[in-house]
Protein backbone atom coordinates (compact mmCIF):
# COMPACT_ATOMS: atom_id res chain seq x y z
CA MET A 1 51.82 -17.06 -8.20
CA THR A 2 48.71 -16.24 -6.24
CA SER A 3 45.45 -15.86 -8.10
CA PHE A 4 42.70 -13.71 -6.77
CA THR A 5 39.12 -14.75 -7.20
CA GLN A 6 36.77 -11.94 -7.78
CA ILE A 7 34.05 -11.66 -5.23
CA PRO A 8 31.10 -9.58 -6.37
CA VAL A 9 30.96 -6.38 -4.38
CA HIS A 10 27.58 -4.76 -3.92
CA ASN A 11 28.00 -1.02 -3.79
CA ASP A 12 24.29 -0.39 -3.44
CA LEU A 13 24.19 1.36 -0.08
CA LEU A 14 20.47 2.01 -0.47
CA HIS A 15 19.54 -1.65 -0.81
CA PRO A 16 18.45 -2.00 2.86
CA VAL A 17 16.28 1.12 2.52
CA ARG A 18 14.75 -0.25 -0.69
CA GLN A 19 13.95 -3.54 1.02
CA TRP A 20 12.46 -1.74 4.02
CA LEU A 21 10.23 0.44 1.83
CA ASP A 22 9.16 -2.56 -0.28
CA SER A 23 8.22 -4.53 2.83
CA LYS A 24 6.01 -1.81 4.36
CA GLU A 25 2.31 -2.56 4.49
CA ILE A 26 -0.34 0.07 5.10
CA HIS A 27 -2.88 -0.70 7.82
CA ASN A 28 -3.76 2.79 9.03
CA ALA A 29 -6.06 5.25 7.23
CA LYS A 30 -4.37 8.30 8.76
CA LEU A 31 -0.96 7.14 7.54
CA ALA A 32 -2.40 6.28 4.12
CA HIS A 33 -3.87 9.78 3.76
CA PHE A 34 -0.57 11.31 4.86
CA LEU A 35 1.42 9.30 2.28
CA CYS A 36 -1.01 10.12 -0.52
CA LYS A 37 -0.72 13.83 0.25
CA LEU A 38 3.05 13.73 0.72
CA ILE A 39 4.04 11.68 -2.35
CA PRO A 40 3.09 13.36 -5.65
CA ALA A 41 1.21 11.41 -8.32
CA GLN A 42 3.59 12.56 -11.07
CA CYS A 43 7.25 13.47 -11.34
CA PRO A 44 7.52 17.06 -10.12
CA PHE A 45 9.80 19.93 -11.02
CA GLU A 46 10.61 19.27 -14.67
CA ARG A 47 11.44 22.71 -16.03
CA ASP A 48 13.07 24.49 -18.94
CA ILE A 49 15.00 27.54 -17.74
CA LYS A 50 14.71 30.29 -20.33
CA LEU A 51 16.19 33.76 -20.60
CA PHE A 52 14.96 36.17 -23.27
CA GLY A 53 13.14 33.33 -25.01
CA ARG A 54 16.23 31.11 -25.26
CA LYS A 55 16.43 27.84 -23.38
CA LEU A 56 19.46 27.93 -21.09
CA PHE A 57 19.11 24.47 -19.61
CA HIS A 58 16.64 21.74 -18.73
CA ILE A 59 16.00 20.42 -15.23
CA PRO A 60 14.94 16.76 -15.52
CA PRO A 61 12.00 15.34 -13.57
CA MET A 62 13.00 14.69 -9.98
CA CYS A 63 12.03 11.02 -10.30
CA LYS A 64 15.05 10.47 -12.54
CA LEU A 65 17.29 11.82 -9.79
CA ASN A 66 15.71 9.94 -6.89
CA PRO A 67 17.29 6.49 -6.39
CA LEU A 68 14.28 5.41 -4.30
CA TYR A 69 11.62 6.63 -6.72
CA GLU A 70 10.15 3.19 -7.54
CA GLN A 71 9.85 2.24 -3.88
CA VAL A 72 8.25 5.56 -2.90
CA VAL A 73 5.70 5.37 -5.73
CA THR A 74 4.91 1.77 -4.75
CA LEU A 75 4.33 2.89 -1.17
CA ARG A 76 1.91 5.57 -2.41
CA PHE A 77 0.12 2.94 -4.49
CA LYS A 78 -0.21 0.67 -1.44
CA ALA A 79 -1.70 3.59 0.51
CA LEU A 80 -4.20 4.32 -2.29
CA CYS A 81 -5.19 0.66 -2.49
CA TYR A 82 -5.67 0.50 1.28
CA LEU A 83 -7.94 3.56 1.25
CA ALA A 84 -9.96 2.29 -1.71
CA ASP A 85 -10.17 -1.42 -0.90
CA GLU A 86 -10.10 -1.58 2.89
CA CYS A 87 -11.66 1.75 3.85
CA GLY A 88 -14.00 2.07 0.86
CA GLU A 89 -12.95 5.67 0.26
CA ASP A 90 -12.99 7.58 -3.00
CA VAL A 91 -9.34 8.22 -3.88
CA THR A 92 -9.90 10.35 -6.99
CA ALA A 93 -8.76 13.42 -5.04
CA TYR A 94 -5.27 11.90 -4.94
CA CYS A 95 -5.06 11.12 -8.66
């Protein structure tokens, strides 16, 4: 009788993208400004859909649906830190 050993299978197809986003460093003020404008500071689009005062359904925050949310928010944080620490800029406009 042949026994099969179980080899762990990684079904995370986004792992390379996660690693790539995590490894990105920000060294350009123009790119940092672009990222801070592009990536929102909070989860957008959470809504209750109502009709005649009754809640029909709830749309969750988009961050719960985005499998790369943590990496994208980290990239925004790196951009903010670059602007504040390296460029000496006031980043309160992005908060």
